[in-house]
């Protein structure tokens, strides 16, 4: 299993970023996937999820209406469009299956997002 996140950066509040996740080593298209965020000193939390076919998405209340998760099963890619970013969105963002334990508990290196006020 290999998960490679990219697209993070440093920006001011109100800005936008698009994160990308390249997945390999497992059958991407049959797995519900998610974006996770780990803020400094806090646990890793699921902030957005998408079903295997992409037809259903779910968001944490803190990002609802601002973030959009999507996937391209033909390319084994997943994306997170983040708009109206807030300082509390700061953290390392990871992608993984919703049932990541079934994939051997592998995680990528994540991508850092830092939002200044």
Protein backbone atom coordinates (compact mmCIF):
# COMPACT_ATOMS: atom_id res chain seq x y z
CA UNK A 1 0.00 0.00 0.00
CA UNK A 2 1.33 3.39 -0.95
CA UNK A 3 -0.41 6.69 -0.35
CA UNK A 4 1.21 9.93 -1.46
CA UNK A 5 -0.37 13.23 -0.48
CA UNK A 6 0.52 16.54 -2.07
CA UNK A 7 -0.72 20.08 -2.50
CA UNK A 8 -0.33 21.50 0.97
CA UNK A 9 1.13 24.88 1.72
CA UNK A 10 1.18 28.05 3.76
CA UNK A 11 -1.54 30.60 3.13
CA UNK A 12 -3.71 33.24 4.73
CA UNK A 13 -7.19 32.72 6.06
CA UNK A 14 -9.82 32.80 3.35
CA UNK A 15 -7.62 31.17 0.77
CA UNK A 16 -8.02 27.89 -1.10
CA UNK A 17 -5.97 24.78 -1.66
CA UNK A 18 -6.45 21.55 -3.55
CA UNK A 19 -4.91 18.44 -2.06
CA UNK A 20 -4.19 15.33 -4.11
CA UNK A 21 -3.72 11.71 -3.10
CA UNK A 22 -2.09 9.11 -5.30
CA UNK A 23 -2.92 5.57 -4.21
CA UNK A 24 -1.34 2.30 -5.24
CA UNK A 25 -0.82 -1.22 -4.00
CA UNK A 26 -4.46 -1.99 -3.31
CA UNK A 27 -7.75 -1.99 -5.16
CA UNK A 28 -8.54 1.69 -4.85
CA UNK A 29 -11.85 1.57 -6.67
CA UNK A 30 -13.55 -0.72 -4.16
CA UNK A 31 -12.56 1.20 -1.06
CA UNK A 32 -14.36 4.07 0.57
CA UNK A 33 -11.69 6.70 1.09
CA UNK A 34 -11.17 9.65 3.35
CA UNK A 35 -9.09 12.67 4.16
CA UNK A 36 -7.80 12.89 7.70
CA UNK A 37 -6.38 15.86 9.54
CA UNK A 38 -3.97 15.88 12.44
CA UNK A 39 -3.64 19.24 14.13
CA UNK A 40 -0.63 19.93 16.35
CA UNK A 41 -0.95 18.00 19.59
CA UNK A 42 -4.22 16.39 18.58
CA UNK A 43 -5.35 13.04 17.25
CA UNK A 44 -5.89 12.30 13.60
CA UNK A 45 -9.51 12.91 12.66
CA UNK A 46 -11.52 12.06 9.57
CA UNK A 47 -12.71 15.29 7.96
CA UNK A 48 -14.14 14.04 4.65
CA UNK A 49 -15.10 10.67 3.20
CA UNK A 50 -16.29 9.36 -0.14
CA UNK A 51 -17.80 6.03 -1.11
CA UNK A 52 -16.03 3.68 -3.50
CA UNK A 53 -17.97 4.88 -6.51
CA UNK A 54 -17.90 8.52 -5.47
CA UNK A 55 -21.64 8.86 -5.23
CA UNK A 56 -21.84 9.75 -1.57
CA UNK A 57 -19.70 12.10 0.48
CA UNK A 58 -19.65 13.00 4.15
CA UNK A 59 -17.94 15.82 6.00
CA UNK A 60 -17.08 16.75 9.52
CA UNK A 61 -19.20 19.65 10.72
CA UNK A 62 -16.10 21.83 10.94
CA UNK A 63 -15.47 21.66 7.18
CA UNK A 64 -18.96 21.20 5.79
CA UNK A 65 -19.74 23.70 3.06
CA UNK A 66 -16.07 24.62 2.60
CA UNK A 67 -14.35 21.37 1.62
CA UNK A 68 -15.19 19.07 -1.30
CA UNK A 69 -13.87 15.54 -1.62
CA UNK A 70 -13.71 13.79 -4.99
CA UNK A 71 -12.02 10.83 -6.62
CA UNK A 72 -10.98 9.51 -10.01
CA UNK A 73 -10.97 5.72 -9.89
CA UNK A 74 -9.48 5.46 -13.38
CA UNK A 75 -6.37 7.27 -12.12
CA UNK A 76 -6.36 5.95 -8.53
CA UNK A 77 -6.50 9.54 -7.34
CA UNK A 78 -8.44 11.40 -4.69
CA UNK A 79 -8.73 15.12 -4.11
CA UNK A 80 -9.77 17.59 -1.45
CA UNK A 81 -10.76 21.07 -2.53
CA UNK A 82 -10.50 23.37 0.47
CA UNK A 83 -12.03 26.82 0.32
CA UNK A 84 -12.47 29.61 2.85
CA UNK A 85 -9.65 28.18 4.90
CA UNK A 86 -9.42 29.05 8.57
CA UNK A 87 -6.49 28.93 11.00
CA UNK A 88 -8.14 25.96 12.70
CA UNK A 89 -7.75 24.01 9.45
CA UNK A 90 -4.01 23.94 10.08
CA UNK A 91 -2.55 20.46 10.32
CA UNK A 92 -1.10 17.56 8.42
CA UNK A 93 -3.57 16.07 5.97
CA UNK A 94 -3.49 12.36 5.16
CA UNK A 95 -5.49 10.23 2.79
CA UNK A 96 -6.44 6.65 3.50
CA UNK A 97 -9.23 4.18 3.26
CA UNK A 98 -12.08 4.67 5.69
CA UNK A 99 -11.35 1.12 6.87
CA UNK A 100 -7.60 1.74 6.87
CA UNK A 101 -7.03 -1.08 9.32
CA UNK A 102 -7.91 -3.52 6.53
CA UNK A 103 -5.02 -2.18 4.43
CA UNK A 104 -2.33 -3.01 6.95
CA UNK A 105 -2.51 0.31 8.77
CA UNK A 106 -0.19 2.00 6.26
CA UNK A 107 -0.11 5.78 6.12
CA UNK A 108 1.64 8.20 3.82
CA UNK A 109 3.79 11.12 4.88
CA UNK A 110 0.91 13.56 4.73
CA UNK A 111 0.93 17.11 3.44
CA UNK A 112 1.18 20.13 5.71
CA UNK A 113 -1.45 22.85 5.54
CA UNK A 114 -0.81 26.00 7.52
CA UNK A 115 -3.38 28.79 7.58
CA UNK A 116 -2.41 32.09 9.15
CA UNK A 117 -4.87 34.63 10.47
